[in-house]
Amino acid sequence: MGRESRSFVLIISVLALSAVAAAQIRVDVRLVNVIATVTDDHGRYVSNLNAGDFLVEEDGKPQKIAHFSQDRGIPVNVGIVLDTSSSMERKL
């Protein structure tokens, strides 16, 4: 590859990188969803909490909690597996 070709490739590469750097997107966010599951020292779920029981901070500054809800009716998938092989015959 000649000197002119290398210079051309270098210039194209620099232009391509500058185009990628200029393609940043900034979005102003007004509401962020925070999902939390609270447990006590024994691993038991804590219920009956309200917004006053939480402190949300951004960059060290307290933020207002705009909406608070407790989702108690969340669906749960449960699976049961039974070993019915001959090795378990006496235990069933």
PDB file of N, CA and C in Angstrom:
ATOM      1  N   MET A   1       0.854  -1.173   0.000  1.00  0.00           N
ATOM      2  CA  MET A   1       0.000   0.000   0.000  1.00  0.00           C
ATOM      3  C   MET A   1       0.895   1.229   0.000  1.00  0.00           C
ATOM      4  N   GLY A   2       0.618   2.147  -0.889  1.00  0.00           N
ATOM      5  CA  GLY A   2       1.436   3.339  -1.019  1.00  0.00           C
ATOM      6  C   GLY A   2       1.167   4.346   0.084  1.00  0.00           C
ATOM      7  N   ARG A   3       2.042   5.355   0.137  1.00  0.00           N
ATOM      8  CA  ARG A   3       1.929   6.386   1.160  1.00  0.00           C
ATOM      9  C   ARG A   3       0.614   7.149   1.039  1.00  0.00           C
ATOM     10  N   GLU A   4       0.210   7.459  -0.168  1.00  0.00           N
ATOM     11  CA  GLU A   4      -1.044   8.185  -0.389  1.00  0.00           C
ATOM     12  C   GLU A   4      -2.241   7.346   0.050  1.00  0.00           C
ATOM     13  N   SER A   5      -2.198   6.057  -0.227  1.00  0.00           N
ATOM     14  CA  SER A   5      -3.301   5.176   0.163  1.00  0.00           C
ATOM     15  C   SER A   5      -3.416   5.094   1.680  1.00  0.00           C
ATOM     16  N   ARG A   6      -2.284   4.994   2.372  1.00  0.00           N
ATOM     17  CA  ARG A   6      -2.313   4.938   3.839  1.00  0.00           C
ATOM     18  C   ARG A   6      -2.842   6.238   4.421  1.00  0.00           C
ATOM     19  N   SER A   7      -2.459   7.349   3.853  1.00  0.00           N
ATOM     20  CA  SER A   7      -2.958   8.642   4.322  1.00  0.00           C
ATOM     21  C   SER A   7      -4.460   8.740   4.117  1.00  0.00           C
ATOM     22  N   PHE A   8      -4.937   8.261   2.979  1.00  0.00           N
ATOM     23  CA  PHE A   8      -6.367   8.284   2.685  1.00  0.00           C
ATOM     24  C   PHE A   8      -7.134   7.426   3.690  1.00  0.00           C
ATOM     25  N   VAL A   9      -6.632   6.227   3.967  1.00  0.00           N
ATOM     26  CA  VAL A   9      -7.283   5.327   4.928  1.00  0.00           C
ATOM     27  C   VAL A   9      -7.293   5.957   6.313  1.00  0.00           C
ATOM     28  N   LEU A  10      -6.211   6.600   6.705  1.00  0.00           N
ATOM     29  CA  LEU A  10      -6.128   7.253   8.005  1.00  0.00           C
ATOM     30  C   LEU A  10      -7.152   8.379   8.115  1.00  0.00           C
ATOM     31  N   ILE A  11      -7.258   9.193   7.083  1.00  0.00           N
ATOM     32  CA  ILE A  11      -8.218  10.304   7.090  1.00  0.00           C
ATOM     33  C   ILE A  11      -9.649   9.778   7.167  1.00  0.00           C
ATOM     34  N   ILE A  12      -9.966   8.760   6.399  1.00  0.00           N
ATOM     35  CA  ILE A  12     -11.316   8.177   6.424  1.00  0.00           C
ATOM     36  C   ILE A  12     -11.616   7.599   7.807  1.00  0.00           C
ATOM     37  N   SER A  13     -10.641   6.938   8.422  1.00  0.00           N
ATOM     38  CA  SER A  13     -10.833   6.355   9.755  1.00  0.00           C
ATOM     39  C   SER A  13     -11.109   7.431  10.793  1.00  0.00           C
ATOM     40  N   VAL A  14     -10.367   8.524  10.746  1.00  0.00           N
ATOM     41  CA  VAL A  14     -10.566   9.624  11.689  1.00  0.00           C
ATOM     42  C   VAL A  14     -11.946  10.240  11.499  1.00  0.00           C
ATOM     43  N   LEU A  15     -12.357  10.437  10.267  1.00  0.00           N
ATOM     44  CA  LEU A  15     -13.687  10.998  10.002  1.00  0.00           C
ATOM     45  C   LEU A  15     -14.788  10.065  10.492  1.00  0.00           C
ATOM     46  N   ALA A  16     -14.611   8.776  10.296  1.00  0.00           N
ATOM     47  CA  ALA A  16     -15.613   7.806  10.751  1.00  0.00           C
ATOM     48  C   ALA A  16     -15.716   7.807  12.270  1.00  0.00           C
ATOM     49  N   LEU A  17     -14.592   7.855  12.967  1.00  0.00           N
ATOM     50  CA  LEU A  17     -14.608   7.887  14.428  1.00  0.00           C
ATOM     51  C   LEU A  17     -15.236   9.166  14.959  1.00  0.00           C
ATOM     52  N   SER A  18     -14.988  10.293  14.312  1.00  0.00           N
ATOM     53  CA  SER A  18     -15.586  11.543  14.770  1.00  0.00           C
ATOM     54  C   SER A  18     -17.093  11.541  14.544  1.00  0.00           C
ATOM     55  N   ALA A  19     -17.557  10.882  13.493  1.00  0.00           N
ATOM     56  CA  ALA A  19     -18.998  10.774  13.250  1.00  0.00           C
ATOM     57  C   ALA A  19     -19.659   9.919  14.317  1.00  0.00           C
ATOM     58  N   VAL A  20     -18.998   8.851  14.755  1.00  0.00           N
ATOM     59  CA  VAL A  20     -19.543   7.996  15.813  1.00  0.00           C
ATOM     60  C   VAL A  20     -19.604   8.763  17.123  1.00  0.00           C
ATOM     61  N   ALA A  21     -18.572   9.532  17.441  1.00  0.00           N
ATOM     62  CA  ALA A  21     -18.541  10.301  18.677  1.00  0.00           C
ATOM     63  C   ALA A  21     -19.636  11.361  18.693  1.00  0.00           C
ATOM     64  N   ALA A  22     -19.988  11.914  17.547  1.00  0.00           N
ATOM     65  CA  ALA A  22     -21.014  12.952  17.470  1.00  0.00           C
ATOM     66  C   ALA A  22     -22.424  12.377  17.545  1.00  0.00           C
ATOM     67  N   ALA A  23     -22.578  11.068  17.493  1.00  0.00           N
ATOM     68  CA  ALA A  23     -23.901  10.449  17.458  1.00  0.00           C
ATOM     69  C   ALA A  23     -24.415  10.095  18.848  1.00  0.00           C
ATOM     70  N   GLN A  24     -24.073  10.862  19.865  1.00  0.00           N
ATOM     71  CA  GLN A  24     -24.565  10.612  21.212  1.00  0.00           C
ATOM     72  C   GLN A  24     -25.992  11.106  21.343  1.00  0.00           C
ATOM     73  N   ILE A  25     -26.776  10.374  22.125  1.00  0.00           N
ATOM     74  CA  ILE A  25     -28.169  10.749  22.367  1.00  0.00           C
ATOM     75  C   ILE A  25     -28.329  11.059  23.847  1.00  0.00           C
ATOM     76  N   ARG A  26     -28.898  12.182  24.152  1.00  0.00           N
ATOM     77  CA  ARG A  26     -29.183  12.550  25.540  1.00  0.00           C
ATOM     78  C   ARG A  26     -30.694  12.621  25.707  1.00  0.00           C
ATOM     79  N   VAL A  27     -31.173  12.028  26.801  1.00  0.00           N
ATOM     80  CA  VAL A  27     -32.607  11.978  27.060  1.00  0.00           C
ATOM     81  C   VAL A  27     -32.868  12.531  28.454  1.00  0.00           C
ATOM     82  N   ASP A  28     -33.831  13.424  28.571  1.00  0.00           N
ATOM     83  CA  ASP A  28     -34.233  13.967  29.863  1.00  0.00           C
ATOM     84  C   ASP A  28     -35.289  13.038  30.456  1.00  0.00           C
ATOM     85  N   VAL A  29     -34.970  12.400  31.575  1.00  0.00           N
ATOM     86  CA  VAL A  29     -35.880  11.437  32.197  1.00  0.00           C
ATOM     87  C   VAL A  29     -36.571  12.098  33.377  1.00  0.00           C
ATOM     88  N   ARG A  30     -37.882  12.013  33.413  1.00  0.00           N
ATOM     89  CA  ARG A  30     -38.652  12.627  34.485  1.00  0.00           C
ATOM     90  C   ARG A  30     -39.139  11.615  35.520  1.00  0.00           C
ATOM     91  N   LEU A  31     -39.238  10.348  35.148  1.00  0.00           N
ATOM     92  CA  LEU A  31     -39.753   9.329  36.059  1.00  0.00           C
ATOM     93  C   LEU A  31     -38.953   8.050  35.877  1.00  0.00           C
ATOM     94  N   VAL A  32     -38.495   7.481  36.979  1.00  0.00           N
ATOM     95  CA  VAL A  32     -37.732   6.236  36.955  1.00  0.00           C
ATOM     96  C   VAL A  32     -38.459   5.221  37.821  1.00  0.00           C
ATOM     97  N   ASN A  33     -38.696   4.025  37.292  1.00  0.00           N
ATOM     98  CA  ASN A  33     -39.313   2.956  38.077  1.00  0.00           C
ATOM     99  C   ASN A  33     -38.252   2.283  38.931  1.00  0.00           C
ATOM    100  N   VAL A  34     -38.538   2.156  40.211  1.00  0.00           N
ATOM    101  CA  VAL A  34     -37.654   1.449  41.133  1.00  0.00           C
ATOM    102  C   VAL A  34     -38.459   0.304  41.724  1.00  0.00           C
ATOM    103  N   ILE A  35     -38.026  -0.918  41.478  1.00  0.00           N
ATOM    104  CA  ILE A  35     -38.719  -2.093  41.999  1.00  0.00           C
ATOM    105  C   ILE A  35     -37.890  -2.639  43.149  1.00  0.00           C
ATOM    106  N   ALA A  36     -38.535  -2.852  44.302  1.00  0.00           N
ATOM    107  CA  ALA A  36     -37.804  -3.314  45.480  1.00  0.00           C
ATOM    108  C   ALA A  36     -38.544  -4.459  46.153  1.00  0.00           C
ATOM    109  N   THR A  37     -37.786  -5.393  46.668  1.00  0.00           N
ATOM    110  CA  THR A  37     -38.303  -6.457  47.518  1.00  0.00           C
ATOM    111  C   THR A  37     -37.587  -6.317  48.849  1.00  0.00           C
ATOM    112  N   VAL A  38     -38.350  -6.195  49.934  1.00  0.00           N
ATOM    113  CA  VAL A  38     -37.771  -5.934  51.243  1.00  0.00           C
ATOM    114  C   VAL A  38     -37.899  -7.176  52.116  1.00  0.00           C
ATOM    115  N   THR A  39     -36.775  -7.558  52.734  1.00  0.00           N
ATOM    116  CA  THR A  39     -36.771  -8.678  53.680  1.00  0.00           C
ATOM    117  C   THR A  39     -36.144  -8.223  54.986  1.00  0.00           C
ATOM    118  N   ASP A  40     -36.491  -8.929  56.074  1.00  0.00           N
ATOM    119  CA  ASP A  40     -35.895  -8.613  57.370  1.00  0.00           C
ATOM    120  C   ASP A  40     -34.602  -9.400  57.562  1.00  0.00           C
ATOM    121  N   ASP A  41     -34.054  -9.342  58.766  1.00  0.00           N
ATOM    122  CA  ASP A  41     -32.783 -10.021  59.053  1.00  0.00           C
ATOM    123  C   ASP A  41     -32.871 -11.538  58.927  1.00  0.00           C
ATOM    124  N   HIS A  42     -34.088 -12.074  58.989  1.00  0.00           N
ATOM    125  CA  HIS A  42     -34.285 -13.523  58.902  1.00  0.00           C
ATOM    126  C   HIS A  42     -34.727 -13.963  57.511  1.00  0.00           C
ATOM    127  N   GLY A  43     -34.738 -13.038  56.546  1.00  0.00           N
ATOM    128  CA  GLY A  43     -35.109 -13.382  55.178  1.00  0.00           C
ATOM    129  C   GLY A  43     -36.604 -13.397  54.918  1.00  0.00           C
ATOM    130  N   ARG A  44     -37.399 -12.971  55.895  1.00  0.00           N
ATOM    131  CA  ARG A  44     -38.856 -12.928  55.718  1.00  0.00           C
ATOM    132  C   ARG A  44     -39.238 -11.632  55.004  1.00  0.00           C
ATOM    133  N   TYR A  45     -40.242 -11.733  54.138  1.00  0.00           N
ATOM    134  CA  TYR A  45     -40.692 -10.559  53.398  1.00  0.00           C
ATOM    135  C   TYR A  45     -41.373  -9.574  54.334  1.00  0.00           C
ATOM    136  N   VAL A  46     -41.103  -8.294  54.114  1.00  0.00           N
ATOM    137  CA  VAL A  46     -41.718  -7.230  54.896  1.00  0.00           C
ATOM    138  C   VAL A  46     -42.810  -6.606  54.042  1.00  0.00           C
ATOM    139  N   SER A  47     -44.016  -6.544  54.590  1.00  0.00           N
ATOM    140  CA  SER A  47     -45.136  -5.953  53.846  1.00  0.00           C
ATOM    141  C   SER A  47     -45.642  -4.725  54.600  1.00  0.00           C
ATOM    142  N   ASN A  48     -46.698  -4.143  54.104  1.00  0.00           N
ATOM    143  CA  ASN A  48     -47.328  -2.956  54.693  1.00  0.00           C
ATOM    144  C   ASN A  48     -46.368  -1.770  54.783  1.00  0.00           C
ATOM    145  N   LEU A  49     -45.523  -1.619  53.796  1.00  0.00           N
ATOM    146  CA  LEU A  49     -44.640  -0.461  53.732  1.00  0.00           C
ATOM    147  C   LEU A  49     -45.312   0.644  52.930  1.00  0.00           C
ATOM    148  N   ASN A  50     -44.922   1.890  53.177  1.00  0.00           N
ATOM    149  CA  ASN A  50     -45.447   3.000  52.380  1.00  0.00           C
ATOM    150  C   ASN A  50     -44.280   3.850  51.887  1.00  0.00           C
ATOM    151  N   ALA A  51     -44.573   4.862  51.111  1.00  0.00           N
ATOM    152  CA  ALA A  51     -43.526   5.681  50.489  1.00  0.00           C
ATOM    153  C   ALA A  51     -42.619   6.323  51.530  1.00  0.00           C
ATOM    154  N   GLY A  52     -43.151   6.635  52.708  1.00  0.00           N
ATOM    155  CA  GLY A  52     -42.357   7.246  53.769  1.00  0.00           C
ATOM    156  C   GLY A  52     -41.287   6.324  54.339  1.00  0.00           C
ATOM    157  N   ASP A  53     -41.399   5.043  54.075  1.00  0.00           N
ATOM    158  CA  ASP A  53     -40.408   4.079  54.552  1.00  0.00           C
ATOM    159  C   ASP A  53     -39.179   4.004  53.649  1.00  0.00           C
ATOM    160  N   PHE A  54     -39.198   4.721  52.538  1.00  0.00           N
ATOM    161  CA  PHE A  54     -38.109   4.671  51.564  1.00  0.00           C
ATOM    162  C   PHE A  54     -37.485   6.044  51.386  1.00  0.00           C
ATOM    163  N   LEU A  55     -36.201   6.049  51.063  1.00  0.00           N
ATOM    164  CA  LEU A  55     -35.490   7.272  50.712  1.00  0.00           C
ATOM    165  C   LEU A  55     -34.809   7.025  49.378  1.00  0.00           C
ATOM    166  N   VAL A  56     -35.155   7.832  48.390  1.00  0.00           N
ATOM    167  CA  VAL A  56     -34.556   7.721  47.062  1.00  0.00           C
ATOM    168  C   VAL A  56     -33.692   8.957  46.849  1.00  0.00           C
ATOM    169  N   GLU A  57     -32.433   8.726  46.484  1.00  0.00           N
ATOM    170  CA  GLU A  57     -31.506   9.829  46.254  1.00  0.00           C
ATOM    171  C   GLU A  57     -30.911   9.750  44.862  1.00  0.00           C
ATOM    172  N   GLU A  58     -30.621  10.920  44.312  1.00  0.00           N
ATOM    173  CA  GLU A  58     -29.888  11.015  43.051  1.00  0.00           C
ATOM    174  C   GLU A  58     -28.736  11.980  43.273  1.00  0.00           C
ATOM    175  N   ASP A  59     -27.532  11.517  43.065  1.00  0.00           N
ATOM    176  CA  ASP A  59     -26.329  12.316  43.311  1.00  0.00           C
ATOM    177  C   ASP A  59     -26.316  12.879  44.732  1.00  0.00           C
ATOM    178  N   GLY A  60     -26.775  12.078  45.701  1.00  0.00           N
ATOM    179  CA  GLY A  60     -26.774  12.482  47.103  1.00  0.00           C
ATOM    180  C   GLY A  60     -27.914  13.393  47.506  1.00  0.00           C
ATOM    181  N   LYS A  61     -28.805  13.726  46.575  1.00  0.00           N
ATOM    182  CA  LYS A  61     -29.925  14.618  46.882  1.00  0.00           C
ATOM    183  C   LYS A  61     -31.222  13.814  46.935  1.00  0.00           C
ATOM    184  N   PRO A  62     -32.015  13.980  48.015  1.00  0.00           N
ATOM    185  CA  PRO A  62     -33.291  13.259  48.114  1.00  0.00           C
ATOM    186  C   PRO A  62     -34.221  13.617  46.955  1.00  0.00           C
ATOM    187  N   GLN A  63     -34.912  12.611  46.449  1.00  0.00           N
ATOM    188  CA  GLN A  63     -35.859  12.799  45.349  1.00  0.00           C
ATOM    189  C   GLN A  63     -37.270  12.485  45.835  1.00  0.00           C
ATOM    190  N   LYS A  64     -38.239  13.160  45.258  1.00  0.00           N
ATOM    191  CA  LYS A  64     -39.637  12.934  45.609  1.00  0.00           C
ATOM    192  C   LYS A  64     -40.102  11.617  44.990  1.00  0.00           C
ATOM    193  N   ILE A  65     -40.828  10.821  45.770  1.00  0.00           N
ATOM    194  CA  ILE A  65     -41.431   9.595  45.249  1.00  0.00           C
ATOM    195  C   ILE A  65     -42.790   9.990  44.678  1.00  0.00           C
ATOM    196  N   ALA A  66     -42.915   9.946  43.364  1.00  0.00           N
ATOM    197  CA  ALA A  66     -44.121  10.422  42.686  1.00  0.00           C
ATOM    198  C   ALA A  66     -45.259   9.417  42.758  1.00  0.00           C
ATOM    199  N   HIS A  67     -44.938   8.137  42.775  1.00  0.00           N
ATOM    200  CA  HIS A  67     -45.973   7.097  42.793  1.00  0.00           C
ATOM    201  C   HIS A  67     -45.435   5.921  43.584  1.00  0.00           C
ATOM    202  N   PHE A  68     -46.278   5.351  44.445  1.00  0.00           N
ATOM    203  CA  PHE A  68     -45.874   4.202  45.252  1.00  0.00           C
ATOM    204  C   PHE A  68     -47.006   3.194  45.245  1.00  0.00           C
ATOM    205  N   SER A  69     -46.665   1.938  45.022  1.00  0.00           N
ATOM    206  CA  SER A  69     -47.690   0.889  45.063  1.00  0.00           C
ATOM    207  C   SER A  69     -47.072  -0.411  45.535  1.00  0.00           C
ATOM    208  N   GLN A  70     -47.925  -1.264  46.069  1.00  0.00           N
ATOM    209  CA  GLN A  70     -47.511  -2.602  46.479  1.00  0.00           C
ATOM    210  C   GLN A  70     -48.205  -3.595  45.570  1.00  0.00           C
ATOM    211  N   ASP A  71     -47.430  -4.416  44.918  1.00  0.00           N
ATOM    212  CA  ASP A  71     -47.994  -5.427  44.028  1.00  0.00           C
ATOM    213  C   ASP A  71     -48.059  -6.750  44.771  1.00  0.00           C
ATOM    214  N   ARG A  72     -49.218  -7.053  45.282  1.00  0.00           N
ATOM    215  CA  ARG A  72     -49.379  -8.306  46.025  1.00  0.00           C
ATOM    216  C   ARG A  72     -49.865  -9.430  45.136  1.00  0.00           C
ATOM    217  N   GLY A  73     -50.472  -9.109  44.017  1.00  0.00           N
ATOM    218  CA  GLY A  73     -51.041 -10.132  43.151  1.00  0.00           C
ATOM    219  C   GLY A  73     -50.124 -10.538  42.018  1.00  0.00           C
ATOM    220  N   ILE A  74     -48.823 -10.515  42.256  1.00  0.00           N
ATOM    221  CA  ILE A  74     -47.876 -10.873  41.200  1.00  0.00           C
ATOM    222  C   ILE A  74     -47.929 -12.374  40.971  1.00  0.00           C
ATOM    223  N   PRO A  75     -48.107 -12.804  39.724  1.00  0.00           N
ATOM    224  CA  PRO A  75     -48.167 -14.240  39.453  1.00  0.00           C
ATOM    225  C   PRO A  75     -46.830 -14.927  39.730  1.00  0.00           C
ATOM    226  N   VAL A  76     -46.924 -16.139  40.245  1.00  0.00           N
ATOM    227  CA  VAL A  76     -45.739 -16.929  40.560  1.00  0.00           C
ATOM    228  C   VAL A  76     -45.838 -18.249  39.822  1.00  0.00           C
ATOM    229  N   ASN A  77     -44.761 -18.666  39.202  1.00  0.00           N
ATOM    230  CA  ASN A  77     -44.707 -19.972  38.545  1.00  0.00           C
ATOM    231  C   ASN A  77     -44.050 -20.972  39.482  1.00  0.00           C
ATOM    232  N   VAL A  78     -44.728 -22.084  39.702  1.00  0.00           N
ATOM    233  CA  VAL A  78     -44.211 -23.125  40.576  1.00  0.00           C
ATOM    234  C   VAL A  78     -44.159 -24.421  39.798  1.00  0.00           C
ATOM    235  N   GLY A  79     -43.081 -25.133  39.926  1.00  0.00           N
ATOM    236  CA  GLY A  79     -42.957 -26.432  39.269  1.00  0.00           C
ATOM    237  C   GLY A  79     -42.677 -27.511  40.296  1.00  0.00           C
ATOM    238  N   ILE A  80     -43.248 -28.677  40.107  1.00  0.00           N
ATOM    239  CA  ILE A  80     -43.023 -29.817  40.993  1.00  0.00           C
ATOM    240  C   ILE A  80     -42.406 -30.931  40.166  1.00  0.00           C
ATOM    241  N   VAL A  81     -41.318 -31.474  40.673  1.00  0.00           N
ATOM    242  CA  VAL A  81     -40.628 -32.561  39.983  1.00  0.00           C
ATOM    243  C   VAL A  81     -40.663 -33.789  40.878  1.00  0.00           C
ATOM    244  N   LEU A  82     -41.130 -34.901  40.345  1.00  0.00           N
ATOM    245  CA  LEU A  82     -41.163 -36.165  41.080  1.00  0.00           C
ATOM    246  C   LEU A  82     -40.243 -37.160  40.406  1.00  0.00           C
ATOM    247  N   ASP A  83     -39.411 -37.797  41.207  1.00  0.00           N
ATOM    248  CA  ASP A  83     -38.533 -38.848  40.703  1.00  0.00           C
ATOM    249  C   ASP A  83     -39.269 -40.170  40.861  1.00  0.00           C
ATOM    250  N   THR A  84     -39.771 -40.704  39.775  1.00  0.00           N
ATOM    251  CA  THR A  84     -40.523 -41.971  39.812  1.00  0.00           C
ATOM    252  C   THR A  84     -39.705 -43.122  39.244  1.00  0.00           C
ATOM    253  N   SER A  85     -38.399 -42.959  39.244  1.00  0.00           N
ATOM    254  CA  SER A  85     -37.547 -44.029  38.721  1.00  0.00           C
ATOM    255  C   SER A  85     -37.513 -45.200  39.708  1.00  0.00           C
ATOM    256  N   SER A  86     -36.987 -46.305  39.271  1.00  0.00           N
ATOM    257  CA  SER A  86     -36.970 -47.508  40.107  1.00  0.00           C
ATOM    258  C   SER A  86     -36.146 -47.314  41.381  1.00  0.00           C
ATOM    259  N   SER A  87     -35.188 -46.422  41.377  1.00  0.00           N
ATOM    260  CA  SER A  87     -34.390 -46.189  42.586  1.00  0.00           C
ATOM    261  C   SER A  87     -35.207 -45.541  43.704  1.00  0.00           C
ATOM    262  N   MET A  88     -36.316 -44.930  43.369  1.00  0.00           N
ATOM    263  CA  MET A  88     -37.170 -44.277  44.363  1.00  0.00           C
ATOM    264  C   MET A  88     -38.417 -45.092  44.682  1.00  0.00           C
ATOM    265  N   GLU A  89     -38.527 -46.267  44.147  1.00  0.00           N
ATOM    266  CA  GLU A  89     -39.739 -47.084  44.261  1.00  0.00           C
ATOM    267  C   GLU A  89     -40.166 -47.293  45.708  1.00  0.00           C
ATOM    268  N   ARG A  90     -39.273 -47.599  46.604  1.00  0.00           N
ATOM    269  CA  ARG A  90     -39.618 -47.866  48.009  1.00  0.00           C
ATOM    270  C   ARG A  90     -39.970 -46.591  48.768  1.00  0.00           C
ATOM    271  N   LYS A  91     -39.511 -45.462  48.306  1.00  0.00           N
ATOM    272  CA  LYS A  91     -39.739 -44.206  49.024  1.00  0.00           C
ATOM    273  C   LYS A  91     -41.044 -43.532  48.627  1.00  0.00           C
ATOM    274  N   LEU A  92     -41.626 -43.927  47.513  1.00  0.00           N
ATOM    275  CA  LEU A  92     -42.900 -43.343  47.091  1.00  0.00           C
ATOM    276  C   LEU A  92     -43.977 -44.143  47.695  1.00  0.00           C
TER     277      LEU A  92
END
